[in-house]
Amino acid sequence: MLALFIVTHSLQAQKADSLRKPTKRPEDKMTLSLYERVIWDAQGNDRYDENIVSNFKLNPWLRGEGGIRFGHRPQKFDSYYHYKLELQTKSFWQTVRFFIRLSNDINKSTPVYARSYYLAVAELRRPLSKSFSFLAAWGQVLATQRDNSSDAVPSFSGTQTNYMAYKIGLRYLLMEKGFMEAMVGNYDVFNPYMPSNSFLQMHFEYDLSKRVSFTSNLRYQFNASLDKPLSYFIIAGVRIHFTK
């Protein structure tokens, strides 16, 4: 009986999936994302930040993205900020896209430092069915850090570190309304982390209207191995779409 139930349920799920009609949101001329992050580390320290990110079409082949983050800790309200500039290609064959990113992270609380990131990544997304798609990404990061500096201008000076950037994920489409995605990786909208400080993440996005989507992440970042927590993240905000 159990085997019969499993087979019947599987056939019903496949039938329902086959009846889904693929839908495509009109291409956004621009999006504006506004979101809040709250972070706790394994030692109980907490911080939070506000983030503003704009993505916009430059031409049929390229998009630009710029963002700024304002961060706060209990001991210092204006304790860090981070900005980025990014150039993205279109998705070739609706499968692969490339992007390059320059970002600068300035920490104004102890220890004071300025850190620049130079990131180049190729992202591959392939449909597995009308509901599921697979994401795999690989790239390289050059990070340079200047201790005792709060210089906001990007620089190649200071201590240099090279490491890999990667993502592996599985996305489930919520019909016309959004998606859920589970992934593991070491870079996000602003930060590329060392591979030893990768994270597991559940990402949820849902359209509240034609113009506005709710977006949220739950993230667990680990230190060298999965059983050694480093930080926990809760991220929530809205994405505003401009199609004309």
C-alpha atoms as a PDB file:
ATOM      1  CA  MET A   1       0.000   0.000   0.000  1.00  0.00           C
ATOM      2  CA  LEU A   2       2.823   2.413   0.850  1.00  0.00           C
ATOM      3  CA  ALA A   3       4.569   1.686  -2.459  1.00  0.00           C
ATOM      4  CA  LEU A   4       1.289   2.195  -4.347  1.00  0.00           C
ATOM      5  CA  PHE A   5       0.738   5.533  -2.576  1.00  0.00           C
ATOM      6  CA  ILE A   6       4.260   6.733  -3.431  1.00  0.00           C
ATOM      7  CA  VAL A   7       3.912   5.763  -7.113  1.00  0.00           C
ATOM      8  CA  THR A   8       0.453   7.374  -7.390  1.00  0.00           C
ATOM      9  CA  HIS A   9       1.651  10.586  -5.704  1.00  0.00           C
ATOM     10  CA  SER A  10       4.686  10.733  -7.999  1.00  0.00           C
ATOM     11  CA  LEU A  11       2.543  10.317 -11.122  1.00  0.00           C
ATOM     12  CA  GLN A  12       0.153  13.026  -9.952  1.00  0.00           C
ATOM     13  CA  ALA A  13       3.048  15.426  -9.276  1.00  0.00           C
ATOM     14  CA  GLN A  14       4.519  14.757 -12.727  1.00  0.00           C
ATOM     15  CA  LYS A  15       1.111  15.304 -14.365  1.00  0.00           C
ATOM     16  CA  ALA A  16       0.590  18.576 -12.499  1.00  0.00           C
ATOM     17  CA  ASP A  17       4.068  19.724 -13.468  1.00  0.00           C
ATOM     18  CA  SER A  18       3.489  18.840 -17.131  1.00  0.00           C
ATOM     19  CA  LEU A  19       0.317  20.974 -17.136  1.00  0.00           C
ATOM     20  CA  ARG A  20       2.168  24.067 -15.974  1.00  0.00           C
ATOM     21  CA  LYS A  21       2.514  26.644 -18.674  1.00  0.00           C
ATOM     22  CA  PRO A  22       5.847  28.415 -18.576  1.00  0.00           C
ATOM     23  CA  THR A  23       5.395  32.109 -17.978  1.00  0.00           C
ATOM     24  CA  LYS A  24       7.858  34.893 -18.444  1.00  0.00           C
ATOM     25  CA  ARG A  25       7.750  38.257 -16.716  1.00  0.00           C
ATOM     26  CA  PRO A  26       8.292  41.170 -19.122  1.00  0.00           C
ATOM     27  CA  GLU A  27      11.918  42.259 -19.013  1.00  0.00           C
ATOM     28  CA  ASP A  28      12.511  44.933 -16.389  1.00  0.00           C
ATOM     29  CA  LYS A  29      14.034  48.146 -17.630  1.00  0.00           C
ATOM     30  CA  MET A  30      15.081  48.703 -14.028  1.00  0.00           C
ATOM     31  CA  THR A  31      14.585  47.199 -10.586  1.00  0.00           C
ATOM     32  CA  LEU A  32      15.131  48.822  -7.209  1.00  0.00           C
ATOM     33  CA  SER A  33      15.740  46.507  -4.235  1.00  0.00           C
ATOM     34  CA  LEU A  34      15.406  47.754  -0.660  1.00  0.00           C
ATOM     35  CA  TYR A  35      16.152  45.284   2.114  1.00  0.00           C
ATOM     36  CA  GLU A  36      17.302  44.914   5.715  1.00  0.00           C
ATOM     37  CA  ARG A  37      19.791  42.364   7.064  1.00  0.00           C
ATOM     38  CA  VAL A  38      20.131  41.242  10.666  1.00  0.00           C
ATOM     39  CA  ILE A  39      23.204  39.127  11.514  1.00  0.00           C
ATOM     40  CA  TRP A  40      24.231  37.205  14.654  1.00  0.00           C
ATOM     41  CA  ASP A  41      27.611  35.526  14.907  1.00  0.00           C
ATOM     42  CA  ALA A  42      28.446  32.385  16.904  1.00  0.00           C
ATOM     43  CA  GLN A  43      29.737  34.519  19.819  1.00  0.00           C
ATOM     44  CA  GLY A  44      26.390  36.312  20.185  1.00  0.00           C
ATOM     45  CA  ASN A  45      27.440  39.602  18.585  1.00  0.00           C
ATOM     46  CA  ASP A  46      24.843  41.220  16.360  1.00  0.00           C
ATOM     47  CA  ARG A  47      24.665  43.888  13.693  1.00  0.00           C
ATOM     48  CA  TYR A  48      22.245  45.080  11.054  1.00  0.00           C
ATOM     49  CA  ASP A  49      22.334  47.068   7.838  1.00  0.00           C
ATOM     50  CA  GLU A  50      20.177  48.753   5.214  1.00  0.00           C
ATOM     51  CA  ASN A  51      20.737  47.965   1.543  1.00  0.00           C
ATOM     52  CA  ILE A  52      19.763  49.746  -1.678  1.00  0.00           C
ATOM     53  CA  VAL A  53      20.495  48.049  -5.017  1.00  0.00           C
ATOM     54  CA  SER A  54      19.467  49.159  -8.508  1.00  0.00           C
ATOM     55  CA  ASN A  55      19.692  46.958 -11.608  1.00  0.00           C
ATOM     56  CA  PHE A  56      19.106  48.602 -15.003  1.00  0.00           C
ATOM     57  CA  LYS A  57      19.263  47.783 -18.683  1.00  0.00           C
ATOM     58  CA  LEU A  58      22.110  49.415 -20.609  1.00  0.00           C
ATOM     59  CA  ASN A  59      21.515  47.838 -24.039  1.00  0.00           C
ATOM     60  CA  PRO A  60      20.227  44.521 -25.431  1.00  0.00           C
ATOM     61  CA  TRP A  61      23.435  42.774 -24.277  1.00  0.00           C
ATOM     62  CA  LEU A  62      24.354  44.389 -20.974  1.00  0.00           C
ATOM     63  CA  ARG A  63      22.854  45.419 -17.636  1.00  0.00           C
ATOM     64  CA  GLY A  64      24.395  47.487 -14.876  1.00  0.00           C
ATOM     65  CA  GLU A  65      23.954  47.156 -11.120  1.00  0.00           C
ATOM     66  CA  GLY A  66      24.939  49.502  -8.340  1.00  0.00           C
ATOM     67  CA  GLY A  67      24.353  49.282  -4.617  1.00  0.00           C
ATOM     68  CA  ILE A  68      25.203  50.730  -1.227  1.00  0.00           C
ATOM     69  CA  ARG A  69      24.968  49.268   2.275  1.00  0.00           C
ATOM     70  CA  PHE A  70      24.859  51.155   5.598  1.00  0.00           C
ATOM     71  CA  GLY A  71      25.813  49.006   8.611  1.00  0.00           C
ATOM     72  CA  HIS A  72      25.416  49.385  12.374  1.00  0.00           C
ATOM     73  CA  ARG A  73      26.708  47.656  15.510  1.00  0.00           C
ATOM     74  CA  PRO A  74      25.618  48.244  19.139  1.00  0.00           C
ATOM     75  CA  GLN A  75      28.929  49.912  19.998  1.00  0.00           C
ATOM     76  CA  LYS A  76      28.872  52.204  16.933  1.00  0.00           C
ATOM     77  CA  PHE A  77      25.790  53.121  14.905  1.00  0.00           C
ATOM     78  CA  ASP A  78      27.620  54.125  11.727  1.00  0.00           C
ATOM     79  CA  SER A  79      30.111  51.249  11.884  1.00  0.00           C
ATOM     80  CA  TYR A  80      30.526  50.096   8.276  1.00  0.00           C
ATOM     81  CA  TYR A  81      29.390  50.709   4.756  1.00  0.00           C
ATOM     82  CA  HIS A  82      29.835  48.940   1.446  1.00  0.00           C
ATOM     83  CA  TYR A  83      29.217  49.913  -2.158  1.00  0.00           C
ATOM     84  CA  LYS A  84      29.474  48.076  -5.458  1.00  0.00           C
ATOM     85  CA  LEU A  85      29.372  48.531  -9.236  1.00  0.00           C
ATOM     86  CA  GLU A  86      28.603  45.560 -11.462  1.00  0.00           C
ATOM     87  CA  LEU A  87      28.372  44.869 -15.196  1.00  0.00           C
ATOM     88  CA  GLN A  88      26.269  41.869 -16.307  1.00  0.00           C
ATOM     89  CA  THR A  89      25.742  40.243 -19.689  1.00  0.00           C
ATOM     90  CA  LYS A  90      22.382  38.995 -20.881  1.00  0.00           C
ATOM     91  CA  SER A  91      21.680  35.296 -20.453  1.00  0.00           C
ATOM     92  CA  PHE A  92      23.062  33.679 -23.609  1.00  0.00           C
ATOM     93  CA  TRP A  93      20.860  30.864 -24.963  1.00  0.00           C
ATOM     94  CA  GLN A  94      18.759  31.537 -21.827  1.00  0.00           C
ATOM     95  CA  THR A  95      21.398  29.502 -20.001  1.00  0.00           C
ATOM     96  CA  VAL A  96      24.629  31.283 -19.092  1.00  0.00           C
ATOM     97  CA  ARG A  97      25.525  34.826 -18.110  1.00  0.00           C
ATOM     98  CA  PHE A  98      28.713  36.546 -16.954  1.00  0.00           C
ATOM     99  CA  PHE A  99      29.333  39.453 -14.621  1.00  0.00           C
ATOM    100  CA  ILE A 100      32.224  41.461 -13.237  1.00  0.00           C
ATOM    101  CA  ARG A 101      32.026  43.408  -9.985  1.00  0.00           C
ATOM    102  CA  LEU A 102      34.008  46.029  -8.135  1.00  0.00           C
ATOM    103  CA  SER A 103      33.068  46.649  -4.513  1.00  0.00           C
ATOM    104  CA  ASN A 104      34.583  48.398  -1.526  1.00  0.00           C
ATOM    105  CA  ASP A 105      33.926  47.575   2.145  1.00  0.00           C
ATOM    106  CA  ILE A 106      34.864  50.163   4.798  1.00  0.00           C
ATOM    107  CA  ASN A 107      34.839  49.102   8.455  1.00  0.00           C
ATOM    108  CA  LYS A 108      34.854  52.144  10.767  1.00  0.00           C
ATOM    109  CA  SER A 109      34.687  50.292  14.097  1.00  0.00           C
ATOM    110  CA  THR A 110      37.635  48.421  15.612  1.00  0.00           C
ATOM    111  CA  PRO A 111      39.507  47.071  13.714  1.00  0.00           C
ATOM    112  CA  VAL A 112      39.409  49.838  11.118  1.00  0.00           C
ATOM    113  CA  TYR A 113      40.115  48.700   7.554  1.00  0.00           C
ATOM    114  CA  ALA A 114      39.156  49.223   3.909  1.00  0.00           C
ATOM    115  CA  ARG A 115      38.767  46.180   1.680  1.00  0.00           C
ATOM    116  CA  SER A 116      38.282  46.094  -2.108  1.00  0.00           C
ATOM    117  CA  TYR A 117      36.859  43.119  -4.009  1.00  0.00           C
ATOM    118  CA  TYR A 118      37.292  42.382  -7.717  1.00  0.00           C
ATOM    119  CA  LEU A 119      34.998  39.564  -8.808  1.00  0.00           C
ATOM    120  CA  ALA A 120      34.395  37.778 -12.159  1.00  0.00           C
ATOM    121  CA  VAL A 121      31.802  34.973 -12.372  1.00  0.00           C
ATOM    122  CA  ALA A 122      30.019  32.775 -14.920  1.00  0.00           C
ATOM    123  CA  GLU A 123      26.538  31.601 -13.850  1.00  0.00           C
ATOM    124  CA  LEU A 124      24.791  28.669 -15.533  1.00  0.00           C
ATOM    125  CA  ARG A 125      21.069  28.021 -15.041  1.00  0.00           C
ATOM    126  CA  ARG A 126      19.399  25.014 -16.657  1.00  0.00           C
ATOM    127  CA  PRO A 127      15.741  23.945 -16.397  1.00  0.00           C
ATOM    128  CA  LEU A 128      15.169  20.453 -15.028  1.00  0.00           C
ATOM    129  CA  SER A 129      11.407  20.674 -15.598  1.00  0.00           C
ATOM    130  CA  LYS A 130       8.793  23.399 -15.927  1.00  0.00           C
ATOM    131  CA  SER A 131       8.972  23.899 -12.163  1.00  0.00           C
ATOM    132  CA  PHE A 132      12.624  23.296 -11.269  1.00  0.00           C
ATOM    133  CA  SER A 133      15.893  24.765 -12.486  1.00  0.00           C
ATOM    134  CA  PHE A 134      19.508  24.128 -11.495  1.00  0.00           C
ATOM    135  CA  LEU A 135      22.103  26.837 -10.835  1.00  0.00           C
ATOM    136  CA  ALA A 136      25.883  26.386 -10.941  1.00  0.00           C
ATOM    137  CA  ALA A 137      28.383  29.249 -10.871  1.00  0.00           C
ATOM    138  CA  TRP A 138      32.149  29.601 -10.774  1.00  0.00           C
ATOM    139  CA  GLY A 139      34.509  32.555 -10.705  1.00  0.00           C
ATOM    140  CA  GLN A 140      37.507  34.206  -9.110  1.00  0.00           C
ATOM    141  CA  VAL A 141      37.933  36.893  -6.450  1.00  0.00           C
ATOM    142  CA  LEU A 142      40.810  39.240  -5.768  1.00  0.00           C
ATOM    143  CA  ALA A 143      40.477  40.910  -2.349  1.00  0.00           C
ATOM    144  CA  THR A 144      42.830  43.646  -1.119  1.00  0.00           C
ATOM    145  CA  GLN A 145      42.805  44.947   2.454  1.00  0.00           C
ATOM    146  CA  ARG A 146      44.327  48.138   3.870  1.00  0.00           C
ATOM    147  CA  ASP A 147      44.485  48.054   7.668  1.00  0.00           C
ATOM    148  CA  ASN A 148      43.921  51.254   9.667  1.00  0.00           C
ATOM    149  CA  SER A 149      42.399  52.890   6.604  1.00  0.00           C
ATOM    150  CA  SER A 150      38.867  54.075   5.847  1.00  0.00           C
ATOM    151  CA  ASP A 151      39.616  55.118   2.280  1.00  0.00           C
ATOM    152  CA  ALA A 152      36.492  54.686   0.132  1.00  0.00           C
ATOM    153  CA  VAL A 153      38.442  54.644  -3.140  1.00  0.00           C
ATOM    154  CA  PRO A 154      39.089  51.091  -4.465  1.00  0.00           C
ATOM    155  CA  SER A 155      42.730  50.077  -4.528  1.00  0.00           C
ATOM    156  CA  PHE A 156      45.012  47.179  -5.431  1.00  0.00           C
ATOM    157  CA  SER A 157      47.366  48.070  -2.593  1.00  0.00           C
ATOM    158  CA  GLY A 158      47.503  46.287   0.736  1.00  0.00           C
ATOM    159  CA  THR A 159      47.316  42.576   1.535  1.00  0.00           C
ATOM    160  CA  GLN A 160      46.050  40.635  -1.486  1.00  0.00           C
ATOM    161  CA  THR A 161      44.068  37.379  -1.380  1.00  0.00           C
ATOM    162  CA  ASN A 162      42.848  35.274  -4.317  1.00  0.00           C
ATOM    163  CA  TYR A 163      40.129  32.666  -3.973  1.00  0.00           C
ATOM    164  CA  MET A 164      37.308  30.905  -5.804  1.00  0.00           C
ATOM    165  CA  ALA A 165      33.704  32.106  -6.003  1.00  0.00           C
ATOM    166  CA  TYR A 166      30.995  29.476  -6.453  1.00  0.00           C
ATOM    167  CA  LYS A 167      27.271  28.699  -6.107  1.00  0.00           C
ATOM    168  CA  ILE A 168      25.171  25.563  -6.478  1.00  0.00           C
ATOM    169  CA  GLY A 169      21.409  25.830  -6.155  1.00  0.00           C
ATOM    170  CA  LEU A 170      17.978  24.448  -6.990  1.00  0.00           C
ATOM    171  CA  ARG A 171      15.026  26.763  -7.742  1.00  0.00           C
ATOM    172  CA  TYR A 172      11.309  25.954  -7.618  1.00  0.00           C
ATOM    173  CA  LEU A 173       8.947  28.246  -9.525  1.00  0.00           C
ATOM    174  CA  LEU A 174       5.737  29.332  -7.813  1.00  0.00           C
ATOM    175  CA  MET A 175       3.704  29.513 -11.026  1.00  0.00           C
ATOM    176  CA  GLU A 176       3.544  33.190 -12.047  1.00  0.00           C
ATOM    177  CA  LYS A 177       4.127  34.535  -8.541  1.00  0.00           C
ATOM    178  CA  GLY A 178       7.773  33.948  -7.696  1.00  0.00           C
ATOM    179  CA  PHE A 179      10.168  31.226  -6.596  1.00  0.00           C
ATOM    180  CA  MET A 180      11.960  29.467  -3.742  1.00  0.00           C
ATOM    181  CA  GLU A 181      15.638  28.568  -4.001  1.00  0.00           C
ATOM    182  CA  ALA A 182      17.991  26.485  -1.879  1.00  0.00           C
ATOM    183  CA  MET A 183      21.700  27.005  -2.468  1.00  0.00           C
ATOM    184  CA  VAL A 184      25.210  26.730  -1.107  1.00  0.00           C
ATOM    185  CA  GLY A 185      27.907  29.200  -2.087  1.00  0.00           C
ATOM    186  CA  ASN A 186      30.272  31.936  -0.990  1.00  0.00           C
ATOM    187  CA  TYR A 187      29.116  35.167  -2.662  1.00  0.00           C
ATOM    188  CA  ASP A 188      25.974  37.283  -2.466  1.00  0.00           C
ATOM    189  CA  VAL A 189      24.794  40.697  -3.674  1.00  0.00           C
ATOM    190  CA  PHE A 190      27.751  42.518  -2.065  1.00  0.00           C
ATOM    191  CA  ASN A 191      30.166  40.139  -0.310  1.00  0.00           C
ATOM    192  CA  PRO A 192      32.342  37.379  -1.683  1.00  0.00           C
ATOM    193  CA  TYR A 193      33.461  35.251   1.282  1.00  0.00           C
ATOM    194  CA  MET A 194      36.371  32.871   1.552  1.00  0.00           C
ATOM    195  CA  PRO A 195      35.314  29.325   0.478  1.00  0.00           C
ATOM    196  CA  SER A 196      35.943  28.153   4.062  1.00  0.00           C
ATOM    197  CA  ASN A 197      33.226  30.624   5.149  1.00  0.00           C
ATOM    198  CA  SER A 198      30.564  29.481   2.678  1.00  0.00           C
ATOM    199  CA  PHE A 199      26.862  29.516   3.544  1.00  0.00           C
ATOM    200  CA  LEU A 200      23.628  27.594   3.096  1.00  0.00           C
ATOM    201  CA  GLN A 201      20.664  29.754   2.105  1.00  0.00           C
ATOM    202  CA  MET A 202      16.933  29.577   1.476  1.00  0.00           C
ATOM    203  CA  HIS A 203      15.755  32.407  -0.762  1.00  0.00           C
ATOM    204  CA  PHE A 204      12.095  33.282  -1.285  1.00  0.00           C
ATOM    205  CA  GLU A 205      10.610  35.828  -3.670  1.00  0.00           C
ATOM    206  CA  TYR A 206       6.908  36.467  -4.229  1.00  0.00           C
ATOM    207  CA  ASP A 207       5.090  39.028  -6.369  1.00  0.00           C
ATOM    208  CA  LEU A 208       2.750  41.197  -4.331  1.00  0.00           C
ATOM    209  CA  SER A 209       1.702  43.055  -7.472  1.00  0.00           C
ATOM    210  CA  LYS A 210       2.958  43.685 -11.007  1.00  0.00           C
ATOM    211  CA  ARG A 211       5.302  46.303  -9.611  1.00  0.00           C
ATOM    212  CA  VAL A 212       6.394  44.982  -6.211  1.00  0.00           C
ATOM    213  CA  SER A 213       7.893  41.693  -5.018  1.00  0.00           C
ATOM    214  CA  PHE A 214       8.628  40.593  -1.463  1.00  0.00           C
ATOM    215  CA  THR A 215      12.078  39.013  -1.082  1.00  0.00           C
ATOM    216  CA  SER A 216      13.620  37.202   1.890  1.00  0.00           C
ATOM    217  CA  ASN A 217      16.639  35.042   2.767  1.00  0.00           C
ATOM    218  CA  LEU A 218      17.477  32.757   5.663  1.00  0.00           C
ATOM    219  CA  ARG A 219      21.201  32.035   5.743  1.00  0.00           C
ATOM    220  CA  TYR A 220      23.527  29.867   7.812  1.00  0.00           C
ATOM    221  CA  GLN A 221      27.230  30.610   7.380  1.00  0.00           C
ATOM    222  CA  PHE A 222      29.752  28.072   8.621  1.00  0.00           C
ATOM    223  CA  ASN A 223      33.424  28.104   9.515  1.00  0.00           C
ATOM    224  CA  ALA A 224      35.450  25.466   7.610  1.00  0.00           C
ATOM    225  CA  SER A 225      32.897  22.695   8.245  1.00  0.00           C
ATOM    226  CA  LEU A 226      29.114  22.530   8.313  1.00  0.00           C
ATOM    227  CA  ASP A 227      28.920  21.765  12.039  1.00  0.00           C
ATOM    228  CA  LYS A 228      30.852  24.933  13.001  1.00  0.00           C
ATOM    229  CA  PRO A 229      28.503  27.951  12.834  1.00  0.00           C
ATOM    230  CA  LEU A 230      29.949  31.332  11.967  1.00  0.00           C
ATOM    231  CA  SER A 231      26.901  33.589  11.460  1.00  0.00           C
ATOM    232  CA  TYR A 232      23.136  33.549  11.020  1.00  0.00           C
ATOM    233  CA  PHE A 233      21.337  35.972   8.689  1.00  0.00           C
ATOM    234  CA  ILE A 234      17.747  37.090   8.287  1.00  0.00           C
ATOM    235  CA  ILE A 235      17.168  39.259   5.216  1.00  0.00           C
ATOM    236  CA  ALA A 236      13.860  40.802   4.127  1.00  0.00           C
ATOM    237  CA  GLY A 237      12.793  43.542   1.754  1.00  0.00           C
ATOM    238  CA  VAL A 238      11.036  44.508  -1.456  1.00  0.00           C
ATOM    239  CA  ARG A 239      11.992  44.651  -5.128  1.00  0.00           C
ATOM    240  CA  ILE A 240      10.284  47.293  -7.265  1.00  0.00           C
ATOM    241  CA  HIS A 241       9.983  46.557 -11.004  1.00  0.00           C
ATOM    242  CA  PHE A 242       9.961  49.140 -13.780  1.00  0.00           C
ATOM    243  CA  THR A 243       9.071  47.569 -17.129  1.00  0.00           C
ATOM    244  CA  LYS A 244       8.583  50.691 -19.271  1.00  0.00           C
END
